[in-house]
Amino acid sequence: MLKNNPMLVVLLLAGLAFAEEDFTYDAKGKRDPFVPLVSEGGVYVSDAYGISGINDIRLEGIVWDKVKGSIAIINGEIVREGQKIGAAEVLRIEKDAVVFDIDGEEKKLELTSD
């Protein structure tokens, strides 16, 4: 059959030439997709983010509102004062920084312009 149909041989070889390379997924710094974000009782499970220290926290923005309460964007999540995200609890949100309680220690992370 291959002798009679050279076009089939060309198509088979062309398919091999355009074969996809192996893909390796790098999960470093990403949350485990198999860990639920909400518990069975409907409570937000914040330690799914794996924050264990100040170096795991990325302060992305602050919306300062003295009257209604300020919010901060931490690792892509909106958080308020008193909220826990991983091992860190948000103690205070200031105009240009957020103060956390991490393992009983106060840590201040300032908002940078980069």
Protein backbone atom coordinates (compact mmCIF):
# COMPACT_ATOMS: atom_id res chain seq x y z
CA MET A 1 0.00 0.00 0.00
CA LEU A 2 2.89 2.42 0.80
CA LYS A 3 4.47 1.74 -2.59
CA ASN A 4 1.24 2.68 -4.31
CA ASN A 5 0.63 5.86 -2.34
CA PRO A 6 3.72 8.04 -1.84
CA MET A 7 1.51 10.89 -0.60
CA LEU A 8 0.62 8.81 2.48
CA VAL A 9 4.32 8.39 3.28
CA VAL A 10 4.88 12.14 2.95
CA LEU A 11 1.95 12.90 5.28
CA LEU A 12 3.16 10.41 7.89
CA LEU A 13 6.67 11.88 7.85
CA ALA A 14 5.30 15.44 8.01
CA GLY A 15 3.31 14.49 11.11
CA LEU A 16 6.49 13.31 12.80
CA ALA A 17 8.30 16.53 11.90
CA PHE A 18 5.62 18.64 13.60
CA ALA A 19 5.27 16.42 16.67
CA GLU A 20 4.85 18.38 19.90
CA GLU A 21 7.76 18.56 22.32
CA ASP A 22 7.40 17.20 25.85
CA PHE A 23 5.76 19.66 28.25
CA THR A 24 6.87 19.90 31.86
CA TYR A 25 4.65 21.84 34.28
CA ASP A 26 6.49 23.90 36.88
CA ALA A 27 4.23 24.15 39.95
CA LYS A 28 6.66 26.22 42.01
CA GLY A 29 4.83 29.14 43.59
CA LYS A 30 1.42 27.99 42.40
CA ARG A 31 -1.35 26.69 44.60
CA ASP A 32 -2.27 23.00 44.54
CA PRO A 33 -5.41 22.76 42.36
CA PHE A 34 -6.58 19.71 44.32
CA VAL A 35 -6.78 21.62 47.63
CA PRO A 36 -10.28 23.12 47.91
CA LEU A 37 -10.60 26.87 48.41
CA VAL A 38 -13.85 26.45 50.37
CA SER A 39 -14.52 23.91 53.12
CA GLU A 40 -17.57 21.66 53.18
CA GLY A 41 -19.21 24.15 55.55
CA GLY A 42 -18.73 26.96 53.04
CA VAL A 43 -15.87 28.63 54.92
CA TYR A 44 -13.01 30.11 52.90
CA VAL A 45 -9.88 27.99 53.38
CA SER A 46 -7.12 30.56 53.20
CA ASP A 47 -4.13 28.36 54.08
CA ALA A 48 -4.46 26.74 50.67
CA TYR A 49 -2.00 29.41 49.53
CA GLY A 50 0.99 28.06 51.39
CA ILE A 51 2.01 31.33 53.04
CA SER A 52 4.35 30.40 55.84
CA GLY A 53 6.51 33.51 56.10
CA ILE A 54 6.92 37.12 54.99
CA ASN A 55 8.91 36.01 51.92
CA ASP A 56 5.83 34.14 50.62
CA ILE A 57 3.74 37.34 50.63
CA ARG A 58 3.42 39.59 47.57
CA LEU A 59 1.76 42.92 48.40
CA GLU A 60 0.26 44.00 45.08
CA GLY A 61 -1.91 46.94 46.10
CA ILE A 62 -3.75 48.84 48.81
CA VAL A 63 -7.13 50.58 48.64
CA TRP A 64 -7.05 53.02 51.55
CA ASP A 65 -10.44 53.97 53.02
CA LYS A 66 -10.44 55.16 56.62
CA VAL A 67 -14.26 55.22 56.80
CA LYS A 68 -15.31 51.92 55.17
CA GLY A 69 -12.15 49.99 55.92
CA SER A 70 -9.13 49.49 53.74
CA ILE A 71 -8.33 46.43 51.66
CA ALA A 72 -5.06 45.00 50.41
CA ILE A 73 -4.30 42.74 47.49
CA ILE A 74 -2.05 39.94 48.71
CA ASN A 75 -0.90 37.27 46.25
CA GLY A 76 -3.85 38.14 44.01
CA GLU A 77 -6.45 37.93 46.81
CA ILE A 78 -8.41 40.78 48.39
CA VAL A 79 -7.95 40.80 52.17
CA ARG A 80 -9.12 42.97 55.06
CA GLU A 81 -7.82 43.61 58.55
CA GLY A 82 -8.25 40.56 60.78
CA GLN A 83 -8.33 38.13 57.87
CA LYS A 84 -5.92 35.18 57.75
CA ILE A 85 -4.22 34.08 54.58
CA GLY A 86 -2.07 31.04 55.19
CA ALA A 87 -0.01 31.43 58.37
CA ALA A 88 -0.29 35.23 58.19
CA GLU A 89 -2.98 37.36 59.81
CA VAL A 90 -3.54 40.90 58.56
CA LEU A 91 -3.27 43.12 61.65
CA ARG A 92 -3.35 46.56 60.05
CA ILE A 93 -3.60 48.04 56.60
CA GLU A 94 -1.81 51.37 56.36
CA LYS A 95 -1.63 53.83 53.44
CA ASP A 96 1.57 52.30 52.07
CA ALA A 97 2.10 49.09 54.06
CA VAL A 98 0.43 46.06 55.64
CA VAL A 99 1.31 44.71 59.07
CA PHE A 100 1.02 40.94 59.54
CA ASP A 101 1.16 38.56 62.48
CA ILE A 102 3.23 35.57 61.41
CA ASP A 103 3.86 32.98 64.13
CA GLY A 104 3.36 35.57 66.87
CA GLU A 105 5.71 38.15 65.32
CA GLU A 106 4.63 41.44 63.75
CA LYS A 107 6.03 41.88 60.25
CA LYS A 108 5.53 44.99 58.13
CA LEU A 109 5.52 44.77 54.35
CA GLU A 110 5.69 48.07 52.49
CA LEU A 111 4.14 48.68 49.09
CA THR A 112 6.79 49.16 46.41
CA SER A 113 6.45 50.81 43.03
CA ASP A 114 7.77 47.90 40.90
